[in-house]
Amino acid sequence: MISLKRVYVVIGIVFLALFVSLLAFTTWYTVDESEQAVILTFGKVEEGISDAGLHFKLPWPIQSVEKLSKETFSLQFGYEEKDGEIKEFPDETKMITGDENIVLADLVVQWKITDPAKYLYNADDPKEILYDATSASVRSIIGSSKIDDALTSGKAEIEADVRDLLSSLVGKYDMGVSVLAVKLQDVELPNKQVRKAFTDVTDARETMNTKINEANKYRNKQMNEAEGEKQALISRAQGEKAARIEHARGDVAVFNKLYEEYRKNPEITRQRIVIETLEQVLPGSEIYIMNDDGNTMKYFPIRPLETEKPKSEKEGSENNG
C-alpha cells in the first residue's frame, strides 16, 4: 500500500514537472531582429509583434506564436537560379508586344511581408498569388508597349509600370505583402534569326540618327556663320550710313556758310569757287590770275605766294624770338 502511494506521488511529481516545463517553455518566447511574430489565442489572431527581444504570452494551448521573416524576398519570374546554375522557362516568359511582336521577358520582384496576420490567413498560398499577379502585370505592360521600347531604351518605364500595376493587384488581394522593386533581367527575341534581323535594323537606325545629327550640326554651323556675316554686313552698312549722314551734314554746313558769303559778296565768292574747283580738277597745277589789257598781259601768281607766305611768317617768328 505504501509503495503504491509512492508511485502516485512520483507520477504526480512527474506530471507537475512536465506541467511546469510546459508553462516555462510555452509562456516565454523570443523574437530576433530579423523576425516578426503573430500571437494566436485559441487560433484567433490577437496582435502582431515586431519588436525584438523576450516576450510573454499565455501558455499553450491557450496562446501560440507564429514567426515570419522581415527580410526582403526575391521572386524570380521566367527563370530559376540554384547553386549558381540558371534554369530558364521560356514558355512562361513568351509574350506579345503592342505592335504584335514576340519577346521573351524575365524579371525579378523584390517584396517583403508587411502584415504577418494577413500573410498567414488571408491567402492559402501568397507566393503563388504573387507569381500569378507578376505574370499578369508584365504581360499587360509588355502587351501595350512597342518592341523597340521593350528591347532598348524603354525598359525603365516598363519596370515602373509593372511595379505600379503589381502593387495595385497585391493591394486588392490584401495578403499582407508589399512590392519594393521590379527589375527586368532580360528581354530578347525568341530565336537567333529574328535577333539578328532586329540588330541589323537597330544598327541602321543608329547610323541614320548619327547622319541626321551630323547634318544638323553642319547646318547649325553654316547658319551661325551666315548669321555672323549678316551681322557684320549690317554693322558695316550702319557705319557707312552714319558716315554719309555726317558727311552730308558737313556739306550742308559748308554750303550754308558759302551761301552766306555769296549773299554778301557774290562776285568774289563766285571767283573763289571757280579757283577752288580748278584746284580740285587740276591738282598740282600753277594757277594765275591774268588781265589782258592791250599789249601787256598782267598776271598774278597764286601758287608762289602760297608757298612764300609760310616762309615769311616763319622768318618773322624767328626775328621776333
Protein backbone atom coordinates (compact mmCIF):
# COMPACT_ATOMS: atom_id res chain seq x y z
CA MET A 1 0.00 0.00 0.00
CA ILE A 2 2.84 2.33 0.87
CA SER A 3 4.64 1.56 -2.33
CA LEU A 4 1.51 2.34 -4.36
CA LYS A 5 1.26 5.76 -2.72
CA ARG A 6 4.87 6.39 -3.56
CA VAL A 7 4.14 5.52 -7.16
CA TYR A 8 1.26 8.01 -7.22
CA VAL A 9 3.48 10.66 -5.70
CA VAL A 10 6.22 10.06 -8.24
CA ILE A 11 3.70 10.18 -11.07
CA GLY A 12 2.25 13.41 -9.69
CA ILE A 13 5.71 14.92 -9.40
CA VAL A 14 6.46 13.91 -12.94
CA PHE A 15 3.22 15.44 -14.25
CA LEU A 16 3.85 18.56 -12.20
CA ALA A 17 7.34 18.85 -13.59
CA LEU A 18 6.01 18.35 -17.10
CA PHE A 19 3.34 20.98 -16.49
CA VAL A 20 5.84 23.45 -15.09
CA SER A 21 8.16 22.77 -18.02
CA LEU A 22 5.29 23.24 -20.42
CA LEU A 23 4.47 26.58 -18.79
CA ALA A 24 8.10 27.62 -18.84
CA PHE A 25 8.67 26.75 -22.50
CA THR A 26 5.32 27.97 -23.85
CA THR A 27 4.94 31.16 -21.83
CA TRP A 28 8.12 33.00 -22.82
CA TYR A 29 9.36 33.40 -26.36
CA THR A 30 11.98 35.47 -28.18
CA VAL A 31 11.83 37.42 -31.43
CA ASP A 32 15.05 38.08 -33.37
CA GLU A 33 15.91 41.32 -35.14
CA SER A 34 15.13 39.70 -38.47
CA GLU A 35 11.76 38.29 -37.36
CA GLN A 36 8.20 39.40 -36.70
CA ALA A 37 5.57 37.38 -34.83
CA VAL A 38 1.82 36.92 -34.53
CA ILE A 39 0.05 35.93 -31.28
CA LEU A 40 -2.88 33.50 -31.64
CA THR A 41 -5.43 32.94 -28.87
CA PHE A 42 -7.24 29.63 -29.45
CA GLY A 43 -6.35 30.04 -33.13
CA LYS A 44 -7.59 33.62 -33.41
CA VAL A 45 -5.16 36.36 -34.33
CA GLU A 46 -4.72 38.81 -31.45
CA GLU A 47 -1.75 41.03 -32.24
CA GLY A 48 1.46 41.32 -34.21
CA ILE A 49 4.88 41.61 -32.62
CA SER A 50 7.69 43.36 -34.46
CA ASP A 51 9.96 44.34 -31.53
CA ALA A 52 12.95 42.10 -30.97
CA GLY A 53 13.58 40.58 -27.55
CA LEU A 54 11.96 38.38 -24.89
CA HIS A 55 8.14 38.44 -24.73
CA PHE A 56 5.43 36.86 -22.55
CA LYS A 57 2.23 35.07 -23.60
CA LEU A 58 -0.29 32.69 -22.09
CA PRO A 59 0.83 29.07 -22.17
CA TRP A 60 -0.06 26.61 -24.85
CA PRO A 61 -2.74 25.66 -25.86
CA ILE A 62 -4.30 28.99 -24.90
CA GLN A 63 -1.91 31.09 -26.96
CA SER A 64 0.64 30.24 -29.65
CA VAL A 65 3.17 32.16 -31.71
CA GLU A 66 3.79 32.25 -35.47
CA LYS A 67 7.09 33.81 -36.59
CA LEU A 68 7.87 35.21 -40.02
CA SER A 69 10.95 36.80 -41.52
CA LYS A 70 11.40 40.56 -42.03
CA GLU A 71 13.87 40.06 -44.86
CA THR A 72 13.34 41.11 -48.46
CA PHE A 73 12.44 38.20 -50.72
CA SER A 74 13.14 37.81 -54.43
CA LEU A 75 10.59 36.31 -56.79
CA GLN A 76 12.24 35.06 -59.97
CA PHE A 77 9.85 35.13 -62.92
CA GLY A 78 10.79 33.16 -66.03
CA TYR A 79 13.89 31.50 -64.62
CA GLU A 80 15.25 29.81 -61.50
CA GLU A 81 18.74 30.09 -60.06
CA LYS A 82 20.03 27.34 -57.79
CA ASP A 83 23.60 26.61 -56.78
CA GLY A 84 24.93 29.06 -59.35
CA GLU A 85 23.03 27.43 -62.22
CA ILE A 86 20.22 29.17 -64.07
CA LYS A 87 17.27 27.26 -65.44
CA GLU A 88 15.04 29.13 -67.86
CA PHE A 89 11.34 28.68 -68.56
CA PRO A 90 10.77 30.24 -72.00
CA ASP A 91 7.14 29.12 -72.23
CA GLU A 92 6.30 31.25 -69.20
CA THR A 93 8.12 34.35 -70.44
CA LYS A 94 6.91 34.36 -74.07
CA MET A 95 4.56 37.28 -74.66
CA ILE A 96 3.31 39.60 -77.42
CA THR A 97 4.15 43.30 -77.60
CA GLY A 98 1.74 46.07 -78.54
CA ASP A 99 3.00 46.07 -82.15
CA GLU A 100 2.45 42.28 -82.42
CA ASN A 101 5.99 41.03 -81.94
CA ILE A 102 7.01 38.10 -79.75
CA VAL A 103 9.57 38.62 -76.98
CA LEU A 104 10.88 36.68 -74.02
CA ALA A 105 10.87 38.71 -70.79
CA ASP A 106 12.03 37.54 -67.38
CA LEU A 107 12.33 39.65 -64.27
CA VAL A 108 12.89 39.76 -60.51
CA VAL A 109 10.40 41.15 -58.00
CA GLN A 110 11.66 42.35 -54.62
CA TRP A 111 8.98 42.00 -51.94
CA LYS A 112 8.54 41.64 -48.19
CA ILE A 113 5.90 40.69 -45.63
CA THR A 114 4.34 43.82 -44.12
CA ASP A 115 1.34 42.26 -42.31
CA PRO A 116 2.06 38.77 -40.89
CA ALA A 117 -1.55 38.06 -39.94
CA LYS A 118 -2.87 38.75 -43.45
CA TYR A 119 0.02 36.86 -44.99
CA LEU A 120 -0.75 33.80 -42.89
CA TYR A 121 -4.53 33.73 -43.03
CA ASN A 122 -5.87 35.88 -45.92
CA ALA A 123 -4.49 33.64 -48.67
CA ASP A 124 -3.73 29.94 -48.98
CA ASP A 125 -0.52 30.46 -50.95
CA PRO A 126 0.63 34.12 -51.09
CA LYS A 127 3.77 33.27 -53.08
CA GLU A 128 1.77 31.60 -55.83
CA ILE A 129 -0.67 34.50 -55.94
CA LEU A 130 2.24 36.95 -56.17
CA TYR A 131 3.77 34.94 -59.01
CA ASP A 132 0.49 34.92 -60.96
CA ALA A 133 -0.01 38.64 -60.34
CA THR A 134 3.51 39.29 -61.61
CA SER A 135 2.81 37.30 -64.78
CA ALA A 136 -0.41 39.20 -65.39
CA SER A 137 1.23 42.58 -64.77
CA VAL A 138 4.25 42.10 -67.02
CA ARG A 139 2.13 40.65 -69.83
CA SER A 140 -0.27 43.58 -69.61
CA ILE A 141 2.51 46.20 -69.74
CA ILE A 142 4.54 44.44 -72.46
CA GLY A 143 1.31 43.98 -74.41
CA SER A 144 0.82 47.75 -74.52
CA SER A 145 4.48 48.58 -75.33
CA LYS A 146 6.37 48.61 -78.60
CA ILE A 147 9.12 46.13 -79.23
CA ASP A 148 11.73 48.89 -79.53
CA ASP A 149 10.87 50.13 -76.04
CA ALA A 150 10.98 46.62 -74.59
CA LEU A 151 14.37 45.83 -76.11
CA THR A 152 16.15 49.18 -75.79
CA SER A 153 15.52 52.46 -74.02
CA GLY A 154 12.02 51.81 -72.65
CA LYS A 155 12.93 49.20 -70.04
CA ALA A 156 12.98 51.61 -67.10
CA GLU A 157 9.49 52.85 -67.91
CA ILE A 158 8.22 49.27 -68.33
CA GLU A 159 9.70 48.31 -64.95
CA ALA A 160 7.97 51.26 -63.27
CA ASP A 161 4.63 50.45 -64.92
CA VAL A 162 4.87 46.76 -63.93
CA ARG A 163 5.70 47.72 -60.34
CA ASP A 164 2.71 50.09 -60.14
CA LEU A 165 0.28 47.57 -61.62
CA LEU A 166 1.61 44.72 -59.47
CA SER A 167 1.37 46.84 -56.31
CA SER A 168 -2.23 47.65 -57.19
CA LEU A 169 -3.11 43.96 -57.66
CA VAL A 170 -1.37 42.94 -54.45
CA GLY A 171 -3.25 45.68 -52.61
CA LYS A 172 -6.58 44.31 -53.90
CA TYR A 173 -5.70 40.77 -52.80
CA ASP A 174 -4.89 42.16 -49.30
CA MET A 175 -2.46 39.37 -48.44
CA GLY A 176 -0.03 41.35 -46.31
CA VAL A 177 2.88 41.80 -48.74
CA SER A 178 4.46 44.88 -50.29
CA VAL A 179 6.25 45.12 -53.65
CA LEU A 180 9.53 47.03 -53.33
CA ALA A 181 11.04 46.86 -56.82
CA VAL A 182 10.77 45.22 -60.22
CA LYS A 183 13.86 44.60 -62.35
CA LEU A 184 13.79 43.25 -65.89
CA GLN A 185 16.60 40.73 -66.16
CA ASP A 186 16.45 40.10 -69.87
CA VAL A 187 14.16 40.94 -72.77
CA GLU A 188 15.06 39.23 -76.02
CA LEU A 189 13.65 37.90 -79.25
CA PRO A 190 12.73 34.21 -79.48
CA ASN A 191 15.43 32.99 -81.95
CA LYS A 192 18.79 33.93 -83.43
CA GLN A 193 17.48 34.84 -86.90
CA VAL A 194 14.95 37.30 -85.50
CA ARG A 195 17.51 38.73 -83.07
CA LYS A 196 20.00 39.26 -85.92
CA ALA A 197 17.38 40.97 -88.09
CA PHE A 198 16.37 43.24 -85.25
CA THR A 199 20.02 44.03 -84.50
CA ASP A 200 20.55 44.99 -88.16
CA VAL A 201 17.51 47.26 -88.06
CA THR A 202 18.71 48.82 -84.81
CA ASP A 203 22.19 49.42 -86.24
CA ALA A 204 20.72 51.00 -89.35
CA ARG A 205 18.55 53.26 -87.21
CA GLU A 206 21.56 54.30 -85.13
CA THR A 207 23.50 55.07 -88.31
CA MET A 208 20.59 57.12 -89.59
CA ASN A 209 20.41 59.08 -86.34
CA THR A 210 24.16 59.69 -86.46
CA LYS A 211 23.94 61.03 -90.01
CA ILE A 212 21.00 63.24 -89.07
CA ASN A 213 22.90 64.62 -86.09
CA GLU A 214 25.95 65.33 -88.24
CA ALA A 215 23.77 67.06 -90.85
CA ASN A 216 22.09 69.16 -88.18
CA LYS A 217 25.48 70.06 -86.74
CA TYR A 218 26.74 71.17 -90.18
CA ARG A 219 23.54 73.12 -90.83
CA ASN A 220 23.82 74.89 -87.49
CA LYS A 221 27.45 75.75 -88.20
CA GLN A 222 26.62 77.20 -91.62
CA MET A 223 23.68 79.12 -90.23
CA ASN A 224 25.83 80.56 -87.45
CA GLU A 225 28.48 81.63 -89.94
CA ALA A 226 25.85 83.17 -92.22
CA GLU A 227 24.32 84.95 -89.26
CA GLY A 228 27.74 86.31 -88.32
CA GLU A 229 28.35 87.54 -91.86
CA LYS A 230 24.89 89.12 -91.93
CA GLN A 231 25.53 90.96 -88.69
CA ALA A 232 28.92 92.13 -89.98
CA LEU A 233 27.33 93.46 -93.19
CA ILE A 234 24.62 95.19 -91.19
CA SER A 235 27.23 96.75 -88.91
CA ARG A 236 29.29 97.98 -91.85
CA ALA A 237 26.19 99.35 -93.58
CA GLN A 238 25.13 101.15 -90.42
CA GLY A 239 28.62 102.61 -90.05
CA GLU A 240 28.65 103.74 -93.66
CA LYS A 241 25.18 105.18 -93.25
CA ALA A 242 26.26 107.18 -90.19
CA ALA A 243 29.42 108.38 -92.01
CA ARG A 244 27.45 109.53 -95.03
CA ILE A 245 24.91 111.31 -92.86
CA GLU A 246 27.69 113.17 -91.05
CA HIS A 247 29.41 113.95 -94.34
CA ALA A 248 26.14 115.29 -95.71
CA ARG A 249 25.67 117.41 -92.61
CA GLY A 250 29.19 118.80 -93.10
CA ASP A 251 28.42 119.60 -96.76
CA VAL A 252 25.23 121.34 -95.70
CA ALA A 253 27.13 123.41 -93.13
CA VAL A 254 29.79 124.37 -95.72
CA PHE A 255 27.12 125.24 -98.25
CA ASN A 256 25.26 127.38 -95.75
CA LYS A 257 28.42 129.30 -94.90
CA LEU A 258 29.30 129.65 -98.57
CA TYR A 259 25.83 130.85 -99.37
CA GLU A 260 26.03 133.42 -96.59
CA GLU A 261 29.28 134.76 -98.04
CA TYR A 262 27.79 134.69 -101.51
CA ARG A 263 24.95 136.87 -100.39
CA LYS A 264 27.43 139.39 -99.01
CA ASN A 265 29.93 139.34 -101.96
CA PRO A 266 28.54 137.43 -104.94
CA GLU A 267 31.34 138.20 -107.40
CA ILE A 268 34.22 137.45 -105.07
CA THR A 269 32.58 134.30 -103.86
CA ARG A 270 31.94 133.15 -107.46
CA GLN A 271 35.57 133.68 -108.37
CA ARG A 272 36.73 131.84 -105.27
CA ILE A 273 34.51 128.90 -106.12
CA VAL A 274 35.96 128.81 -109.64
CA ILE A 275 39.52 128.82 -108.28
CA GLU A 276 38.81 126.05 -105.74
CA THR A 277 37.12 123.99 -108.43
CA LEU A 278 40.17 124.35 -110.66
CA GLU A 279 42.41 123.25 -107.79
CA GLN A 280 40.34 120.12 -107.37
CA VAL A 281 40.13 119.37 -111.08
CA LEU A 282 43.78 120.15 -111.80
CA PRO A 283 45.68 119.31 -108.63
CA GLY A 284 49.34 120.43 -108.56
CA SER A 285 48.90 122.96 -111.39
CA GLU A 286 50.09 126.55 -111.24
CA ILE A 287 47.17 128.95 -111.14
CA TYR A 288 47.46 132.58 -112.39
CA ILE A 289 45.03 135.43 -112.34
CA MET A 290 45.55 137.27 -115.65
CA ASN A 291 44.29 140.53 -117.07
CA ASP A 292 44.72 141.12 -120.83
CA ASP A 293 44.89 144.90 -121.09
CA GLY A 294 46.01 145.71 -124.56
CA ASN A 295 49.54 144.78 -125.46
CA THR A 296 50.73 143.94 -121.97
CA MET A 297 49.46 140.79 -120.17
CA LYS A 298 49.48 141.16 -116.44
CA TYR A 299 49.12 138.08 -114.19
CA PHE A 300 49.06 137.38 -110.53
CA PRO A 301 50.80 134.15 -109.49
CA ILE A 302 48.77 132.48 -106.70
CA ARG A 303 50.85 129.34 -106.02
CA PRO A 304 54.23 131.08 -105.34
CA LEU A 305 52.58 133.41 -102.89
CA GLU A 306 51.01 130.48 -101.10
CA THR A 307 54.44 128.83 -100.70
CA GLU A 308 56.24 132.01 -99.76
CA LYS A 309 53.75 133.13 -97.20
CA PRO A 310 54.53 130.42 -94.68
CA LYS A 311 58.28 131.07 -95.16
CA SER A 312 57.97 134.80 -94.44
CA GLU A 313 55.78 134.07 -91.46
CA LYS A 314 58.43 131.63 -90.21
CA GLU A 315 61.23 134.21 -90.58
CA GLY A 316 59.14 136.83 -88.82
CA SER A 317 58.53 134.49 -85.92
CA GLU A 318 62.28 133.77 -85.67
CA ASN A 319 63.14 137.51 -85.64
CA ASN A 320 60.56 138.16 -83.00
CA GLY A 321 62.07 135.37 -80.95
